[in-house]
N, C-alpha and C. Protein backbone atom coordinates (compact mmCIF):
# COMPACT_ATOMS: atom_id res chain seq x y z
N MET A 1 58.54 42.59 -3.93
CA MET A 1 59.60 43.56 -4.05
C MET A 1 59.86 43.83 -5.52
N THR A 2 59.82 45.09 -5.89
CA THR A 2 60.06 45.47 -7.27
C THR A 2 61.54 45.78 -7.44
N THR A 3 62.14 45.07 -8.36
CA THR A 3 63.56 45.30 -8.62
C THR A 3 63.71 46.27 -9.78
N GLU A 4 64.92 46.71 -9.97
CA GLU A 4 65.22 47.60 -11.09
C GLU A 4 64.86 46.92 -12.41
N LEU A 5 65.11 45.63 -12.49
CA LEU A 5 64.76 44.88 -13.71
C LEU A 5 63.28 44.94 -14.01
N GLU A 6 62.46 44.72 -12.98
CA GLU A 6 61.02 44.66 -13.18
C GLU A 6 60.43 46.00 -13.62
N LYS A 7 61.15 47.09 -13.38
CA LYS A 7 60.70 48.41 -13.81
C LYS A 7 60.93 48.63 -15.30
N ASN A 8 61.83 47.87 -15.88
CA ASN A 8 62.16 48.01 -17.29
C ASN A 8 61.05 47.40 -18.14
N PRO A 9 60.52 48.12 -19.12
CA PRO A 9 59.43 47.57 -19.93
C PRO A 9 59.82 46.31 -20.70
N LEU A 10 61.09 46.14 -20.99
CA LEU A 10 61.52 44.93 -21.70
C LEU A 10 61.47 43.69 -20.81
N TRP A 11 61.51 43.89 -19.50
CA TRP A 11 61.45 42.75 -18.57
C TRP A 11 60.17 41.95 -18.80
N HIS A 12 59.06 42.62 -18.95
CA HIS A 12 57.78 41.93 -19.11
C HIS A 12 57.74 41.15 -20.43
N ILE A 13 58.38 41.67 -21.44
CA ILE A 13 58.47 40.95 -22.72
C ILE A 13 59.32 39.70 -22.55
N LEU A 14 60.45 39.83 -21.84
CA LEU A 14 61.31 38.68 -21.59
C LEU A 14 60.57 37.61 -20.80
N VAL A 15 59.87 38.00 -19.76
CA VAL A 15 59.13 37.04 -18.93
C VAL A 15 58.11 36.29 -19.79
N GLU A 16 57.37 37.01 -20.59
CA GLU A 16 56.36 36.38 -21.44
C GLU A 16 57.00 35.40 -22.42
N ALA A 17 58.11 35.79 -23.03
CA ALA A 17 58.79 34.91 -23.99
C ALA A 17 59.32 33.67 -23.30
N VAL A 18 59.94 33.84 -22.15
CA VAL A 18 60.52 32.70 -21.42
C VAL A 18 59.43 31.75 -20.96
N GLN A 19 58.34 32.27 -20.45
CA GLN A 19 57.26 31.41 -19.96
C GLN A 19 56.63 30.57 -21.06
N ARG A 20 56.82 30.95 -22.30
CA ARG A 20 56.27 30.18 -23.42
C ARG A 20 57.23 29.10 -23.95
N LEU A 21 58.44 29.07 -23.41
CA LEU A 21 59.38 28.03 -23.84
C LEU A 21 58.87 26.66 -23.40
N PRO A 22 59.01 25.65 -24.25
CA PRO A 22 58.45 24.32 -23.94
C PRO A 22 58.96 23.71 -22.63
N MET A 23 60.21 23.93 -22.28
CA MET A 23 60.78 23.31 -21.08
C MET A 23 60.76 24.22 -19.85
N TYR A 24 60.16 25.39 -19.97
CA TYR A 24 60.20 26.36 -18.88
C TYR A 24 59.67 25.80 -17.57
N ASN A 25 58.49 25.23 -17.57
CA ASN A 25 57.91 24.72 -16.32
C ASN A 25 58.75 23.61 -15.71
N SER A 26 59.29 22.75 -16.55
CA SER A 26 60.16 21.67 -16.05
C SER A 26 61.45 22.23 -15.47
N HIS A 27 62.03 23.18 -16.18
CA HIS A 27 63.26 23.81 -15.68
C HIS A 27 63.01 24.50 -14.34
N LYS A 28 61.92 25.24 -14.25
CA LYS A 28 61.61 25.97 -13.02
C LYS A 28 61.41 25.01 -11.85
N ALA A 29 60.69 23.93 -12.09
CA ALA A 29 60.46 22.94 -11.03
C ALA A 29 61.77 22.28 -10.59
N TYR A 30 62.62 21.94 -11.55
CA TYR A 30 63.90 21.32 -11.23
C TYR A 30 64.79 22.27 -10.42
N VAL A 31 64.82 23.52 -10.81
CA VAL A 31 65.63 24.50 -10.09
C VAL A 31 65.10 24.66 -8.67
N ARG A 32 63.79 24.82 -8.52
CA ARG A 32 63.18 25.03 -7.21
C ARG A 32 63.35 23.81 -6.31
N ASP A 33 63.11 22.62 -6.85
CA ASP A 33 63.06 21.41 -6.04
C ASP A 33 64.41 20.72 -5.85
N SER A 34 65.38 21.02 -6.71
CA SER A 34 66.66 20.32 -6.62
C SER A 34 67.85 21.27 -6.48
N LEU A 35 68.05 22.10 -7.48
CA LEU A 35 69.27 22.91 -7.50
C LEU A 35 69.35 23.91 -6.35
N LEU A 36 68.28 24.65 -6.11
CA LEU A 36 68.33 25.67 -5.06
C LEU A 36 68.32 25.09 -3.66
N VAL A 37 67.89 23.85 -3.52
CA VAL A 37 67.94 23.19 -2.22
C VAL A 37 69.40 23.03 -1.79
N ASP A 38 70.24 22.62 -2.74
CA ASP A 38 71.66 22.41 -2.46
C ASP A 38 72.49 23.68 -2.60
N HIS A 39 72.06 24.59 -3.45
CA HIS A 39 72.83 25.82 -3.74
C HIS A 39 71.89 27.03 -3.73
N PRO A 40 71.42 27.46 -2.57
CA PRO A 40 70.43 28.55 -2.52
C PRO A 40 70.92 29.89 -3.03
N GLU A 41 72.21 30.11 -3.08
CA GLU A 41 72.76 31.38 -3.53
C GLU A 41 73.23 31.33 -4.99
N MET A 42 72.73 30.36 -5.75
CA MET A 42 73.14 30.20 -7.14
C MET A 42 72.86 31.48 -7.92
N THR A 43 73.82 31.87 -8.76
CA THR A 43 73.68 33.08 -9.56
C THR A 43 73.01 32.75 -10.90
N VAL A 44 72.61 33.80 -11.58
CA VAL A 44 72.00 33.65 -12.91
C VAL A 44 72.99 32.95 -13.86
N GLU A 45 74.23 33.39 -13.83
CA GLU A 45 75.24 32.82 -14.73
C GLU A 45 75.47 31.34 -14.43
N GLU A 46 75.55 30.99 -13.15
CA GLU A 46 75.74 29.58 -12.77
C GLU A 46 74.56 28.73 -13.23
N LEU A 47 73.35 29.24 -13.03
CA LEU A 47 72.16 28.50 -13.44
C LEU A 47 72.12 28.34 -14.95
N SER A 48 72.43 29.38 -15.67
CA SER A 48 72.45 29.32 -17.13
C SER A 48 73.41 28.24 -17.62
N GLN A 49 74.59 28.20 -17.04
CA GLN A 49 75.57 27.19 -17.43
C GLN A 49 75.14 25.80 -17.00
N ARG A 50 74.62 25.68 -15.80
CA ARG A 50 74.22 24.37 -15.26
C ARG A 50 73.12 23.73 -16.09
N LEU A 51 72.13 24.52 -16.50
CA LEU A 51 71.00 23.99 -17.28
C LEU A 51 71.23 24.08 -18.79
N ASP A 52 72.28 24.80 -19.18
CA ASP A 52 72.54 25.06 -20.60
C ASP A 52 71.34 25.76 -21.24
N VAL A 53 70.91 26.84 -20.57
CA VAL A 53 69.79 27.65 -21.05
C VAL A 53 70.27 29.08 -21.20
N PRO A 54 69.55 29.90 -21.95
CA PRO A 54 69.92 31.32 -22.08
C PRO A 54 69.88 32.03 -20.73
N VAL A 55 70.69 33.06 -20.60
CA VAL A 55 70.74 33.85 -19.37
C VAL A 55 69.36 34.44 -19.05
N GLY A 56 68.63 34.84 -20.08
CA GLY A 56 67.30 35.41 -19.86
C GLY A 56 66.37 34.41 -19.18
N GLU A 57 66.41 33.16 -19.59
CA GLU A 57 65.57 32.14 -18.95
C GLU A 57 66.00 31.95 -17.50
N ALA A 58 67.28 31.90 -17.26
CA ALA A 58 67.78 31.74 -15.89
C ALA A 58 67.36 32.92 -15.02
N MET A 59 67.40 34.13 -15.57
CA MET A 59 66.99 35.32 -14.82
C MET A 59 65.53 35.23 -14.40
N VAL A 60 64.68 34.85 -15.34
CA VAL A 60 63.24 34.78 -15.05
C VAL A 60 62.96 33.68 -14.02
N ILE A 61 63.58 32.52 -14.20
CA ILE A 61 63.36 31.41 -13.26
C ILE A 61 63.75 31.82 -11.84
N LEU A 62 64.96 32.36 -11.68
CA LEU A 62 65.41 32.74 -10.34
C LEU A 62 64.54 33.84 -9.74
N GLN A 63 64.18 34.82 -10.55
CA GLN A 63 63.36 35.93 -10.04
C GLN A 63 62.01 35.40 -9.56
N GLU A 64 61.39 34.53 -10.34
CA GLU A 64 60.07 34.03 -9.97
C GLU A 64 60.14 33.15 -8.72
N ILE A 65 61.13 32.28 -8.65
CA ILE A 65 61.25 31.40 -7.48
C ILE A 65 61.53 32.23 -6.24
N ARG A 66 62.42 33.17 -6.34
CA ARG A 66 62.75 34.00 -5.17
C ARG A 66 61.58 34.88 -4.76
N ALA A 67 60.80 35.33 -5.71
CA ALA A 67 59.60 36.12 -5.38
C ALA A 67 58.56 35.25 -4.68
N GLU A 68 58.45 33.98 -5.08
CA GLU A 68 57.52 33.06 -4.43
C GLU A 68 57.98 32.73 -3.02
N GLU A 69 59.27 32.65 -2.80
CA GLU A 69 59.83 32.29 -1.49
C GLU A 69 59.74 33.43 -0.49
N GLU A 70 59.77 34.67 -0.96
CA GLU A 70 59.79 35.82 -0.06
C GLU A 70 58.60 35.85 0.91
N PRO A 71 57.34 35.65 0.44
CA PRO A 71 56.23 35.65 1.40
C PRO A 71 56.34 34.52 2.43
N LYS A 72 56.88 33.39 2.01
CA LYS A 72 57.06 32.27 2.95
C LYS A 72 58.05 32.64 4.04
N LYS A 73 59.14 33.32 3.65
CA LYS A 73 60.13 33.74 4.64
C LYS A 73 59.53 34.75 5.61
N ARG A 74 58.72 35.67 5.09
CA ARG A 74 58.09 36.68 5.96
C ARG A 74 57.18 36.01 6.98
N ARG A 75 56.39 35.02 6.53
CA ARG A 75 55.51 34.32 7.45
C ARG A 75 56.31 33.60 8.52
N TYR A 76 57.40 32.94 8.09
CA TYR A 76 58.24 32.21 9.04
C TYR A 76 58.88 33.17 10.04
N ASP A 77 59.40 34.29 9.55
CA ASP A 77 60.06 35.26 10.43
C ASP A 77 59.09 35.87 11.43
N SER A 78 57.87 36.13 11.02
CA SER A 78 56.91 36.76 11.93
C SER A 78 56.35 35.77 12.95
N SER A 79 56.44 34.47 12.67
CA SER A 79 55.93 33.48 13.61
C SER A 79 56.98 33.07 14.63
N SER A 80 58.25 33.45 14.43
CA SER A 80 59.29 33.05 15.37
C SER A 80 59.39 33.98 16.54
């Protein structure tokens, strides 16, 4: 699903910059495996405050995790 953000040319620059941060992969794994399990509706602002990371990093992490989860939900929904 393409969001309004993803259509903005600056989005791709932000994603590239965030993915190069040293703790990005660790943060993403922690959010996916721990935080979103307990709080699936966590907002960008909440995540930014919780991890003490920039809002841009929180935006990219949530967008990527939710994009990865969407095909799984579709498969689950179609098999029920």
